[in-house]
Amino acid sequence: QVQLVESGGGLVQTGESLRLSCAASGVTFASAAMNWYRQAPGKDREWIAHISSDGNTNYAVSVKGRFTISRDNAKNTVYLEMNSLKPEDTAVYYCYIHWNYSNYWGQGTQVTVSS
C-alpha cells in the first residue's frame, strides 16, 4: 500500500522560507521519481518540481531559482525547500508518485504567504 505524507506547511510572510517534507512508504523509494504539485484556490493543480531516482531535477518556471527539490533515500523522504516566498505561492502543496502503473497523491499541506 503506497502512502505519501506531507508536512511542513504553514503561514509565513513574503520573502521568508519553508521546507516541506514528503515521507513515502509502500514503494522502492530509491527507484522512484518524485514530484511536487500545488493547487491555489480556484485554480488547477500545477506541477512545480521533479526529481529522478538518480537525483536529476526539473522545475516550473514559476519557482525555478527559488525552490529546491531534494531526496534522502535513507529516510524515504523528498523535500521542497522554498525560499523568497511570494503571496502567489499560497496553495496546498502535494507530493505525487507514479508507481506500478498507478498515480498516488499525498493529502497535501497548506502554505500561506502573507503580504
Protein backbone atom coordinates (compact mmCIF):
# COMPACT_ATOMS: atom_id res chain seq x y z
CA GLN A 1 0.00 0.00 0.00
CA VAL A 2 1.52 3.25 -1.17
CA GLN A 3 1.31 6.20 1.21
CA LEU A 4 2.62 9.73 0.87
CA VAL A 5 2.52 12.03 3.89
CA GLU A 6 3.42 15.71 3.51
CA SER A 7 4.38 18.03 6.33
CA GLY A 8 6.00 21.39 6.92
CA GLY A 9 3.40 23.82 5.63
CA GLY A 10 2.38 26.94 7.49
CA LEU A 11 1.86 30.70 7.45
CA VAL A 12 4.84 32.88 6.55
CA GLN A 13 5.47 36.42 5.38
CA THR A 14 6.68 37.49 1.95
CA GLY A 15 10.36 36.74 1.49
CA GLU A 16 10.53 34.03 4.13
CA SER A 17 11.30 30.34 3.66
CA LEU A 18 9.72 26.97 4.35
CA ARG A 19 10.79 23.37 3.88
CA LEU A 20 8.19 20.77 3.01
CA SER A 21 8.71 17.05 3.52
CA CYS A 22 7.00 14.05 1.96
CA ALA A 23 7.53 10.65 3.54
CA ALA A 24 6.81 7.71 1.25
CA SER A 25 6.01 4.11 2.10
CA GLY A 26 5.00 1.08 0.09
CA VAL A 27 7.43 1.85 -2.75
CA THR A 28 11.05 1.13 -3.54
CA PHE A 29 11.86 4.75 -2.86
CA ALA A 30 15.37 4.83 -4.28
CA SER A 31 13.96 3.71 -7.65
CA ALA A 32 11.12 6.21 -7.72
CA ALA A 33 10.89 9.60 -9.39
CA MET A 34 9.08 12.07 -7.16
CA ASN A 35 7.16 15.25 -7.87
CA TRP A 36 5.67 18.23 -6.09
CA TYR A 37 2.48 19.91 -7.26
CA ARG A 38 0.43 22.74 -5.85
CA GLN A 39 -3.14 23.97 -6.12
CA ALA A 40 -4.12 27.54 -5.37
CA PRO A 41 -7.73 28.48 -4.58
CA GLY A 42 -9.84 28.48 -7.72
CA LYS A 43 -7.00 27.21 -9.90
CA ASP A 44 -5.97 23.90 -11.43
CA ARG A 45 -3.34 21.78 -9.78
CA GLU A 46 0.07 22.61 -11.29
CA TRP A 47 3.32 20.69 -11.38
CA ILE A 48 6.26 22.55 -9.85
CA ALA A 49 9.21 20.21 -9.32
CA HIS A 50 10.54 16.77 -10.22
CA ILE A 51 13.46 14.70 -9.02
CA SER A 52 14.50 11.49 -10.74
CA SER A 53 15.75 8.38 -9.00
CA ASP A 54 19.32 9.43 -9.74
CA GLY A 55 18.81 12.97 -8.48
CA ASN A 56 18.24 14.97 -11.65
CA THR A 57 15.83 17.85 -11.09
CA ASN A 58 13.42 19.98 -13.10
CA TYR A 59 11.32 22.97 -12.10
CA ALA A 60 8.40 25.00 -13.32
CA VAL A 61 9.36 28.47 -14.49
CA SER A 62 7.30 30.00 -11.69
CA VAL A 63 9.54 28.51 -8.97
CA LYS A 64 12.90 27.99 -10.69
CA GLY A 65 15.69 29.67 -8.76
CA ARG A 66 13.62 29.92 -5.57
CA PHE A 67 12.60 26.32 -4.84
CA THR A 68 14.85 23.27 -4.50
CA ILE A 69 13.71 19.66 -4.56
CA SER A 70 15.90 17.03 -2.92
CA ARG A 71 15.65 13.50 -1.62
CA ASP A 72 17.00 11.35 1.19
CA ASN A 73 16.72 7.72 0.16
CA ALA A 74 17.73 6.52 3.61
CA LYS A 75 14.65 8.24 5.03
CA ASN A 76 12.30 7.56 2.08
CA THR A 77 11.66 11.29 2.02
CA VAL A 78 11.56 14.01 -0.61
CA TYR A 79 11.89 17.68 0.33
CA LEU A 80 10.91 21.00 -1.17
CA GLU A 81 12.95 23.94 0.08
CA MET A 82 11.06 27.14 -0.71
CA ASN A 83 12.85 30.48 -0.49
CA SER A 84 11.83 34.06 -1.26
CA LEU A 85 8.19 33.12 -0.90
CA LYS A 86 5.55 35.33 -2.51
CA PRO A 87 1.80 35.66 -1.89
CA GLU A 88 1.20 33.90 -5.22
CA ASP A 89 2.89 30.81 -3.79
CA THR A 90 -0.09 30.39 -1.47
CA ALA A 91 -1.54 26.94 -2.21
CA VAL A 92 -1.96 23.41 -0.99
CA TYR A 93 1.22 21.53 -1.85
CA TYR A 94 1.05 17.86 -2.83
CA CYS A 95 3.57 15.11 -3.22
CA TYR A 96 3.00 12.77 -6.19
CA ILE A 97 4.38 9.48 -7.45
CA HIS A 98 3.54 7.30 -10.43
CA TRP A 99 4.26 3.74 -9.29
CA ASN A 100 3.31 0.36 -10.75
CA TYR A 101 1.02 1.97 -13.35
CA SER A 102 -0.92 3.95 -10.73
CA ASN A 103 -0.91 7.54 -9.52
CA TYR A 104 -0.61 8.38 -5.84
CA TRP A 105 -1.05 11.69 -4.06
CA GLY A 106 -0.45 12.79 -0.52
CA GLN A 107 -3.11 14.58 1.50
CA GLY A 108 -1.48 17.96 0.91
CA THR A 109 -0.04 20.63 3.19
CA GLN A 110 -1.21 24.25 3.22
CA VAL A 111 1.28 27.04 2.55
CA THR A 112 0.07 30.59 3.08
CA VAL A 113 2.25 33.59 2.30
CA SER A 114 1.06 36.91 3.64
CA SER A 115 1.99 40.24 2.07
